């Protein structure tokens, strides 16, 4: 599902992953983090595609909101579990979105 249109400027956090073979508990934690993120101040939306390479883009009102999410206790625990168990590799990018447009039939 494509996230709704937001009022620019806002921020996108792009999280790209390659998983290990040991993904027990990963899907449950990913869903938990998606739901927890939705409760955070400044959260706007999320888009995710997970297959050979996982890409999750979350949208935020400010850099401060992103920082608070990063420092959330449960999110910190999930990141540590990811490093120890689920992720072979990941890359995180934070971008400022200044303009957007789209198409829908």
C-alpha atoms as a PDB file:
ATOM      1  CA  UNK A   1       0.000   0.000   0.000  1.00  0.00           C
ATOM      2  CA  UNK A   2       1.314   3.436  -0.882  1.00  0.00           C
ATOM      3  CA  UNK A   3       1.268   5.963   1.944  1.00  0.00           C
ATOM      4  CA  UNK A   4      -1.047   8.939   1.601  1.00  0.00           C
ATOM      5  CA  UNK A   5       0.176  12.330   0.424  1.00  0.00           C
ATOM      6  CA  UNK A   6       1.820  14.468   3.103  1.00  0.00           C
ATOM      7  CA  UNK A   7       2.475  18.194   3.219  1.00  0.00           C
ATOM      8  CA  UNK A   8       6.110  18.865   2.283  1.00  0.00           C
ATOM      9  CA  UNK A   9       8.631  19.304   3.645  1.00  0.00           C
ATOM     10  CA  UNK A  10       8.823  16.145   5.712  1.00  0.00           C
ATOM     11  CA  UNK A  11      11.383  13.375   6.199  1.00  0.00           C
ATOM     12  CA  UNK A  12      11.727   9.840   4.888  1.00  0.00           C
ATOM     13  CA  UNK A  13      13.732   7.168   6.676  1.00  0.00           C
ATOM     14  CA  UNK A  14      14.741   4.475   4.188  1.00  0.00           C
ATOM     15  CA  UNK A  15      15.730   1.190   5.822  1.00  0.00           C
ATOM     16  CA  UNK A  16      17.139  -1.412   3.414  1.00  0.00           C
ATOM     17  CA  UNK A  17      17.946  -4.921   4.669  1.00  0.00           C
ATOM     18  CA  UNK A  18      19.248  -8.324   3.734  1.00  0.00           C
ATOM     19  CA  UNK A  19      18.189 -10.983   6.221  1.00  0.00           C
ATOM     20  CA  UNK A  20      20.132 -13.929   7.593  1.00  0.00           C
ATOM     21  CA  UNK A  21      18.732 -17.441   7.328  1.00  0.00           C
ATOM     22  CA  UNK A  22      17.627 -17.207  10.983  1.00  0.00           C
ATOM     23  CA  UNK A  23      14.441 -15.136  10.780  1.00  0.00           C
ATOM     24  CA  UNK A  24      12.500 -16.777  13.606  1.00  0.00           C
ATOM     25  CA  UNK A  25      10.512 -14.018  15.315  1.00  0.00           C
ATOM     26  CA  UNK A  26      11.429 -11.404  12.697  1.00  0.00           C
ATOM     27  CA  UNK A  27       7.970 -10.933  11.156  1.00  0.00           C
ATOM     28  CA  UNK A  28       6.342 -10.573  14.568  1.00  0.00           C
ATOM     29  CA  UNK A  29       8.914  -7.962  15.627  1.00  0.00           C
ATOM     30  CA  UNK A  30       8.546  -6.076  12.327  1.00  0.00           C
ATOM     31  CA  UNK A  31       4.772  -5.877  12.822  1.00  0.00           C
ATOM     32  CA  UNK A  32       5.235  -4.787  16.432  1.00  0.00           C
ATOM     33  CA  UNK A  33       7.624  -2.009  15.363  1.00  0.00           C
ATOM     34  CA  UNK A  34       5.227  -0.869  12.603  1.00  0.00           C
ATOM     35  CA  UNK A  35       2.425  -0.593  15.158  1.00  0.00           C
ATOM     36  CA  UNK A  36       4.642   1.113  17.754  1.00  0.00           C
ATOM     37  CA  UNK A  37       5.916   3.643  15.198  1.00  0.00           C
ATOM     38  CA  UNK A  38       2.324   4.640  14.436  1.00  0.00           C
ATOM     39  CA  UNK A  39       1.948   5.733  18.072  1.00  0.00           C
ATOM     40  CA  UNK A  40       4.971   8.059  17.980  1.00  0.00           C
ATOM     41  CA  UNK A  41       4.600  11.818  17.790  1.00  0.00           C
ATOM     42  CA  UNK A  42       5.547  13.067  14.337  1.00  0.00           C
ATOM     43  CA  UNK A  43       4.874   9.757  12.552  1.00  0.00           C
ATOM     44  CA  UNK A  44       3.190  10.189   9.172  1.00  0.00           C
ATOM     45  CA  UNK A  45       3.138   6.781   7.460  1.00  0.00           C
ATOM     46  CA  UNK A  46       5.041   3.750   6.199  1.00  0.00           C
ATOM     47  CA  UNK A  47       5.602   1.713   3.036  1.00  0.00           C
ATOM     48  CA  UNK A  48       7.346  -1.643   3.032  1.00  0.00           C
ATOM     49  CA  UNK A  49       8.353  -4.385   0.600  1.00  0.00           C
ATOM     50  CA  UNK A  50      10.107  -7.451   1.918  1.00  0.00           C
ATOM     51  CA  UNK A  51      11.607 -10.172  -0.246  1.00  0.00           C
ATOM     52  CA  UNK A  52      15.273 -10.870  -1.118  1.00  0.00           C
ATOM     53  CA  UNK A  53      15.998  -7.253  -0.214  1.00  0.00           C
ATOM     54  CA  UNK A  54      13.688  -5.581   2.285  1.00  0.00           C
ATOM     55  CA  UNK A  55      12.928  -1.885   1.920  1.00  0.00           C
ATOM     56  CA  UNK A  56      10.897   0.008   4.480  1.00  0.00           C
ATOM     57  CA  UNK A  57      10.303   3.735   4.174  1.00  0.00           C
ATOM     58  CA  UNK A  58       8.801   5.552   7.136  1.00  0.00           C
ATOM     59  CA  UNK A  59       7.717   9.167   6.980  1.00  0.00           C
ATOM     60  CA  UNK A  60       8.147  11.737   9.752  1.00  0.00           C
ATOM     61  CA  UNK A  61       7.317  15.389  10.402  1.00  0.00           C
ATOM     62  CA  UNK A  62      10.776  16.291  11.745  1.00  0.00           C
ATOM     63  CA  UNK A  63      14.308  15.143  12.491  1.00  0.00           C
ATOM     64  CA  UNK A  64      13.425  15.430  16.189  1.00  0.00           C
ATOM     65  CA  UNK A  65      10.596  12.910  15.742  1.00  0.00           C
ATOM     66  CA  UNK A  66      13.010  10.527  13.981  1.00  0.00           C
ATOM     67  CA  UNK A  67      15.513  10.877  16.817  1.00  0.00           C
ATOM     68  CA  UNK A  68      12.849  10.151  19.435  1.00  0.00           C
ATOM     69  CA  UNK A  69      11.800   7.041  17.498  1.00  0.00           C
ATOM     70  CA  UNK A  70      15.414   5.888  17.262  1.00  0.00           C
ATOM     71  CA  UNK A  71      15.785   6.243  21.037  1.00  0.00           C
ATOM     72  CA  UNK A  72      12.498   4.488  21.900  1.00  0.00           C
ATOM     73  CA  UNK A  73      13.364   1.646  24.319  1.00  0.00           C
ATOM     74  CA  UNK A  74      11.431  -1.053  22.458  1.00  0.00           C
ATOM     75  CA  UNK A  75      12.834   0.098  19.104  1.00  0.00           C
ATOM     76  CA  UNK A  76      16.369   0.004  20.547  1.00  0.00           C
ATOM     77  CA  UNK A  77      15.783  -3.592  21.670  1.00  0.00           C
ATOM     78  CA  UNK A  78      14.476  -4.542  18.205  1.00  0.00           C
ATOM     79  CA  UNK A  79      17.563  -2.998  16.545  1.00  0.00           C
ATOM     80  CA  UNK A  80      19.861  -5.015  18.818  1.00  0.00           C
ATOM     81  CA  UNK A  81      17.955  -8.221  18.029  1.00  0.00           C
ATOM     82  CA  UNK A  82      18.267  -7.390  14.344  1.00  0.00           C
ATOM     83  CA  UNK A  83      22.024  -6.966  14.570  1.00  0.00           C
ATOM     84  CA  UNK A  84      22.473 -10.128  16.617  1.00  0.00           C
ATOM     85  CA  UNK A  85      20.051 -12.400  14.809  1.00  0.00           C
ATOM     86  CA  UNK A  86      18.140 -11.219  11.734  1.00  0.00           C
ATOM     87  CA  UNK A  87      20.237  -8.865   9.621  1.00  0.00           C
ATOM     88  CA  UNK A  88      23.098  -9.896   7.425  1.00  0.00           C
ATOM     89  CA  UNK A  89      23.328  -6.275   6.302  1.00  0.00           C
ATOM     90  CA  UNK A  90      21.327  -3.072   6.575  1.00  0.00           C
ATOM     91  CA  UNK A  91      21.581   0.539   5.496  1.00  0.00           C
ATOM     92  CA  UNK A  92      19.578   3.461   6.828  1.00  0.00           C
ATOM     93  CA  UNK A  93      19.140   6.751   4.995  1.00  0.00           C
ATOM     94  CA  UNK A  94      17.332   9.880   6.156  1.00  0.00           C
ATOM     95  CA  UNK A  95      16.087  12.219   3.438  1.00  0.00           C
ATOM     96  CA  UNK A  96      14.209  15.502   3.412  1.00  0.00           C
ATOM     97  CA  UNK A  97      11.254  15.374   1.028  1.00  0.00           C
ATOM     98  CA  UNK A  98      10.670  18.782  -0.473  1.00  0.00           C
ATOM     99  CA  UNK A  99       8.220  17.850  -3.211  1.00  0.00           C
ATOM    100  CA  UNK A 100       6.113  14.887  -4.257  1.00  0.00           C
ATOM    101  CA  UNK A 101       3.625  13.899  -6.919  1.00  0.00           C
ATOM    102  CA  UNK A 102       1.937  10.718  -8.034  1.00  0.00           C
ATOM    103  CA  UNK A 103      -0.718   9.036 -10.150  1.00  0.00           C
ATOM    104  CA  UNK A 104      -3.683   6.819  -9.364  1.00  0.00           C
ATOM    105  CA  UNK A 105      -6.338   5.326 -11.685  1.00  0.00           C
END
